[in-house]
Protein backbone atom coordinates (compact mmCIF):
# COMPACT_ATOMS: atom_id res chain seq x y z
CA UNK A 1 6.21 -17.84 40.96
CA UNK A 2 2.64 -16.56 41.47
CA UNK A 3 0.90 -16.44 44.84
CA UNK A 4 -2.01 -18.79 45.48
CA UNK A 5 -4.15 -15.84 46.62
CA UNK A 6 -3.98 -14.16 43.21
CA UNK A 7 -5.15 -17.32 41.47
CA UNK A 8 -7.85 -18.11 44.04
CA UNK A 9 -9.28 -14.60 43.83
CA UNK A 10 -9.69 -14.82 40.05
CA UNK A 11 -10.83 -18.38 39.32
CA UNK A 12 -14.58 -19.07 39.34
CA UNK A 13 -14.28 -22.26 41.43
CA UNK A 14 -14.92 -21.39 45.09
CA UNK A 15 -14.94 -23.27 48.37
CA UNK A 16 -18.44 -24.71 49.12
CA UNK A 17 -19.42 -24.11 45.48
CA UNK A 18 -20.67 -26.64 42.95
CA UNK A 19 -18.53 -28.43 40.37
CA UNK A 20 -18.95 -27.07 36.84
CA UNK A 21 -16.81 -28.45 34.01
CA UNK A 22 -17.16 -25.32 31.86
CA UNK A 23 -16.04 -23.11 34.74
CA UNK A 24 -13.04 -25.35 35.39
CA UNK A 25 -12.09 -25.18 31.71
CA UNK A 26 -12.30 -21.39 31.83
CA UNK A 27 -10.25 -21.36 35.03
CA UNK A 28 -7.46 -23.27 33.30
CA UNK A 29 -7.40 -20.65 30.52
CA UNK A 30 -7.40 -17.85 33.09
CA UNK A 31 -4.52 -19.34 35.06
CA UNK A 32 -2.50 -19.69 31.85
CA UNK A 33 -3.30 -16.06 30.95
CA UNK A 34 -2.07 -14.84 34.33
CA UNK A 35 1.16 -16.76 33.85
CA UNK A 36 1.60 -15.41 30.31
CA UNK A 37 1.53 -11.87 31.68
CA UNK A 38 4.56 -12.89 33.76
CA UNK A 39 6.29 -14.42 30.73
CA UNK A 40 5.52 -18.10 31.39
CA UNK A 41 4.32 -19.16 27.95
CA UNK A 42 4.73 -22.93 28.42
CA UNK A 43 2.80 -23.35 31.65
CA UNK A 44 0.75 -26.53 32.01
CA UNK A 45 -2.36 -26.89 34.21
CA UNK A 46 -3.96 -30.23 35.12
CA UNK A 47 -7.12 -30.48 37.24
CA UNK A 48 -7.94 -33.49 39.41
CA UNK A 49 -10.28 -34.28 42.30
CA UNK A 50 -10.07 -36.32 45.47
CA UNK A 51 -13.01 -37.54 47.51
CA UNK A 52 -13.40 -35.81 50.86
CA UNK A 53 -16.81 -37.22 51.92
CA UNK A 54 -19.93 -38.63 50.30
CA UNK A 55 -21.01 -35.29 48.87
CA UNK A 56 -17.80 -33.23 48.93
CA UNK A 57 -14.54 -33.31 46.99
CA UNK A 58 -11.25 -31.45 46.94
CA UNK A 59 -10.49 -29.69 43.64
CA UNK A 60 -6.77 -29.65 42.79
CA UNK A 61 -5.10 -27.46 40.18
CA UNK A 62 -1.64 -28.86 39.48
CA UNK A 63 0.53 -26.24 37.77
CA UNK A 64 3.83 -26.87 35.99
CA UNK A 65 5.33 -23.43 35.44
CA UNK A 66 8.35 -24.40 33.31
CA UNK A 67 10.90 -21.71 32.45
CA UNK A 68 10.13 -18.04 32.13
CA UNK A 69 10.63 -16.50 28.68
CA UNK A 70 12.69 -13.33 28.93
CA UNK A 71 13.34 -10.39 26.65
CA UNK A 72 17.07 -9.80 26.44
CA UNK A 73 17.02 -7.00 23.88
CA UNK A 74 14.61 -4.52 22.28
CA UNK A 75 15.53 -2.84 18.99
CA UNK A 76 13.86 -0.07 16.98
CA UNK A 77 14.54 -0.10 13.26
CA UNK A 78 13.68 2.73 10.85
CA UNK A 79 13.18 5.53 13.38
CA UNK A 80 15.08 8.69 12.48
CA UNK A 81 13.16 11.49 14.24
CA UNK A 82 13.16 9.96 17.72
CA UNK A 83 15.90 7.96 19.40
CA UNK A 84 15.66 4.36 20.56
CA UNK A 85 15.98 5.55 24.14
CA UNK A 86 12.98 7.88 23.79
CA UNK A 87 10.77 5.27 22.12
CA UNK A 88 11.74 2.75 24.80
CA UNK A 89 10.46 5.17 27.42
CA UNK A 90 7.02 5.13 25.72
CA UNK A 91 6.41 1.39 25.66
CA UNK A 92 5.52 -1.03 28.44
CA UNK A 93 7.80 -3.80 27.17
CA UNK A 94 11.21 -3.71 28.84
CA UNK A 95 14.30 -5.79 28.28
CA UNK A 96 16.12 -7.49 31.13
CA UNK A 97 18.63 -4.64 31.14
CA UNK A 98 15.96 -2.08 31.98
CA UNK A 99 13.63 -1.57 34.93
CA UNK A 100 10.69 -3.97 34.78
CA UNK A 101 7.36 -3.66 36.55
CA UNK A 102 7.44 -7.45 37.04
CA UNK A 103 9.80 -8.36 39.87
CA UNK A 104 10.50 -11.75 38.30
CA UNK A 105 12.08 -10.17 35.22
CA UNK A 106 11.13 -9.31 31.65
CA UNK A 107 8.02 -10.89 30.21
CA UNK A 108 7.29 -12.28 26.77
CA UNK A 109 3.67 -11.51 25.96
CA UNK A 110 2.41 -11.00 22.40
CA UNK A 111 -0.51 -8.85 23.56
CA UNK A 112 1.93 -6.47 25.27
CA UNK A 113 3.84 -6.03 22.01
CA UNK A 114 0.63 -5.31 20.09
CA UNK A 115 -0.31 -2.74 22.72
CA UNK A 116 3.14 -1.12 22.42
CA UNK A 117 2.79 -0.93 18.63
CA UNK A 118 -0.40 1.05 19.20
CA UNK A 119 1.34 3.36 21.69
CA UNK A 120 4.20 4.14 19.31
CA UNK A 121 1.77 4.75 16.43
CA UNK A 122 -0.34 7.04 18.61
CA UNK A 123 2.72 9.04 19.65
CA UNK A 124 3.88 9.56 16.06
CA UNK A 125 0.41 10.61 14.93
CA UNK A 126 0.20 13.10 17.80
CA UNK A 127 3.41 14.60 16.42
CA UNK A 128 1.95 14.89 12.90
CA UNK A 129 3.23 11.67 11.31
CA UNK A 130 -0.21 10.60 10.12
CA UNK A 131 1.07 7.93 7.71
CA UNK A 132 3.31 6.16 10.23
CA UNK A 133 3.37 2.37 10.27
CA UNK A 134 4.77 0.20 13.08
CA UNK A 135 5.21 -3.58 13.25
CA UNK A 136 7.25 -6.06 15.27
CA UNK A 137 8.77 -9.52 15.25
CA UNK A 138 10.37 -11.77 17.85
CA UNK A 139 13.48 -13.89 17.46
CA UNK A 140 14.90 -16.42 19.91
CA UNK A 141 18.59 -15.86 20.58
CA UNK A 142 19.01 -18.68 23.11
CA UNK A 143 16.88 -20.93 25.28
CA UNK A 144 13.94 -18.82 26.59
CA UNK A 145 15.70 -15.56 25.70
CA UNK A 146 14.36 -13.36 22.93
CA UNK A 147 14.97 -10.18 20.95
CA UNK A 148 12.00 -7.97 20.03
CA UNK A 149 12.37 -5.81 16.92
CA UNK A 150 9.99 -2.88 16.36
CA UNK A 151 9.98 -1.71 12.73
CA UNK A 152 9.03 1.96 12.25
CA UNK A 153 8.15 3.59 8.92
CA UNK A 154 7.70 7.21 9.99
CA UNK A 155 6.42 8.72 6.75
CA UNK A 156 6.23 12.50 6.37
CA UNK A 157 5.34 15.02 9.07
CA UNK A 158 2.55 17.55 8.65
CA UNK A 159 3.59 21.20 8.67
CA UNK A 160 0.94 23.86 9.24
CA UNK A 161 0.55 26.64 6.69
CA UNK A 162 -2.14 28.58 8.56
CA UNK A 163 -3.32 28.76 12.17
CA UNK A 164 -6.41 30.78 13.08
CA UNK A 165 -8.95 31.14 15.89
CA UNK A 166 -12.57 32.35 15.99
CA UNK A 167 -13.18 34.62 18.99
CA UNK A 168 -16.36 36.24 17.72
CA UNK A 169 -19.24 36.76 20.16
CA UNK A 170 -16.89 36.68 23.17
CA UNK A 171 -16.79 39.81 25.30
CA UNK A 172 -13.51 38.67 26.86
CA UNK A 173 -11.84 37.72 23.55
CA UNK A 174 -8.69 39.66 24.46
CA UNK A 175 -7.80 37.01 27.06
CA UNK A 176 -8.18 34.26 24.48
CA UNK A 177 -6.19 36.15 21.86
CA UNK A 178 -3.32 36.80 24.28
CA UNK A 179 -3.01 33.08 24.90
CA UNK A 180 -3.34 32.44 21.17
CA UNK A 181 -0.32 34.67 20.46
CA UNK A 182 1.71 32.73 23.01
CA UNK A 183 0.56 29.49 21.36
CA UNK A 184 1.71 30.76 17.94
CA UNK A 185 5.14 31.58 19.36
CA UNK A 186 5.44 28.07 20.76
CA UNK A 187 4.43 26.50 17.45
CA UNK A 188 6.83 28.76 15.53
CA UNK A 189 9.74 27.57 17.66
CA UNK A 190 8.98 24.09 16.32
CA UNK A 191 8.77 25.34 12.70
CA UNK A 192 4.97 25.04 12.73
CA UNK A 193 5.04 21.24 12.73
CA UNK A 194 1.78 19.69 13.88
CA UNK A 195 1.84 18.67 17.55
CA UNK A 196 -1.42 17.38 19.04
CA UNK A 197 -0.07 17.51 22.59
CA UNK A 198 0.72 21.24 22.36
CA UNK A 199 -2.62 21.87 20.62
CA UNK A 200 -4.61 19.99 23.28
CA UNK A 201 -2.90 21.93 26.08
CA UNK A 202 -3.84 25.21 24.40
CA UNK A 203 -7.47 24.12 23.92
CA UNK A 204 -7.66 23.05 27.54
CA UNK A 205 -6.26 26.39 28.67
CA UNK A 206 -8.70 28.57 26.72
CA UNK A 207 -11.66 26.39 27.70
CA UNK A 208 -10.75 26.99 31.33
CA UNK A 209 -10.90 30.71 30.56
CA UNK A 210 -14.45 30.21 29.29
CA UNK A 211 -15.43 28.47 32.51
CA UNK A 212 -13.85 31.18 34.67
CA UNK A 213 -15.97 33.70 32.79
CA UNK A 214 -19.17 31.70 33.41
CA UNK A 215 -19.44 30.49 29.83
CA UNK A 216 -20.47 26.85 30.28
CA UNK A 217 -22.33 26.24 27.01
CA UNK A 218 -19.43 26.88 24.65
CA UNK A 219 -16.10 25.11 24.14
CA UNK A 220 -13.24 25.57 21.72
CA UNK A 221 -12.29 22.64 19.50
CA UNK A 222 -9.42 22.22 17.06
CA UNK A 223 -9.93 21.24 13.43
CA UNK A 224 -7.22 20.33 10.94
CA UNK A 225 -8.21 21.04 7.35
CA UNK A 226 -5.97 19.30 4.84
CA UNK A 227 -5.87 19.34 1.07
CA UNK A 228 -3.23 18.72 -1.56
CA UNK A 229 -1.76 22.23 -1.15
CA UNK A 230 -2.26 23.48 2.41
CA UNK A 231 -2.68 22.35 6.02
CA UNK A 232 -4.84 24.71 8.06
CA UNK A 233 -5.46 24.51 11.81
CA UNK A 234 -8.61 26.23 13.06
CA UNK A 235 -9.89 26.75 16.59
CA UNK A 236 -13.63 27.19 16.51
CA UNK A 237 -16.41 27.60 19.06
CA UNK A 238 -18.88 24.80 19.60
CA UNK A 239 -22.15 24.91 21.50
CA UNK A 240 -22.56 22.07 23.98
CA UNK A 241 -25.18 20.86 26.44
CA UNK A 242 -23.87 19.94 29.87
CA UNK A 243 -23.83 16.28 30.91
CA UNK A 244 -22.84 14.70 34.19
CA UNK A 245 -21.21 11.29 34.52
CA UNK A 246 -23.37 9.29 36.90
CA UNK A 247 -21.52 5.99 36.94
CA UNK A 248 -18.44 4.34 35.45
CA UNK A 249 -18.54 0.58 34.80
CA UNK A 250 -15.45 -1.50 34.06
CA UNK A 251 -15.94 -4.95 32.53
CA UNK A 252 -13.66 -7.68 31.23
CA UNK A 253 -10.88 -7.14 33.78
CA UNK A 254 -10.28 -10.68 35.00
CA UNK A 255 -6.81 -10.01 36.38
CA UNK A 256 -6.61 -6.35 37.41
CA UNK A 257 -9.01 -5.09 40.08
CA UNK A 258 -11.43 -2.22 39.43
CA UNK A 259 -9.77 0.09 41.94
CA UNK A 260 -6.42 -0.24 40.15
CA UNK A 261 -7.96 0.68 36.78
CA UNK A 262 -10.01 3.52 38.29
CA UNK A 263 -6.86 5.02 39.81
CA UNK A 264 -5.52 5.45 36.25
CA UNK A 265 -8.56 7.30 34.91
């Protein structure tokens, strides 16, 4: 179910290389990890050798794939503000009934579920549900077919009492304030509920105005001040020193190539 080339590119054992037991042990773990990403949780790998000449051997990885574990159903329990369909669109895990990035079908991978829990939590917090809690469990409904349940405790959503911006010391403050008025209208349409996505878009927009006006040493940042009585959102100016990214290193990616990860940055 997995091409030889993918495995050969990732294992440390190479043609004309030397035999190393630790490397072979790590290769077995890596091969199993690659299969787990595809939903093969019961794969077995046995390594053997055969003599080719006096000083050379053939290294053989014998793989028993066994059956692929598949997700037949995904359920969200406890979500009231956002529908199951919408939350499903946020996560990477897909049931067999939905489009799957793996051509072989849905995959059962615990790390994927943990990652999806983080994505759902992050989304809710961006929308102002700072006390949200998300968990999951897996139940087998038949041989190699599973249901994944995501449990969501949304908690309360933050509503803003005050929104203000500091435009002092800016000779072109009228441009900023015009955009700020439009931002207030947008927030008012949503009953002033906290929304990090809308806030970040506004900050990005006014910082671009600074750049267009040759102001490179100042940026606007958002600050949420909370106490027992009020929730106040402030946009303030911050002095910065310019830095340039010289190099980006990616480490730990044993399966996905650098160029794939870089294309997502």
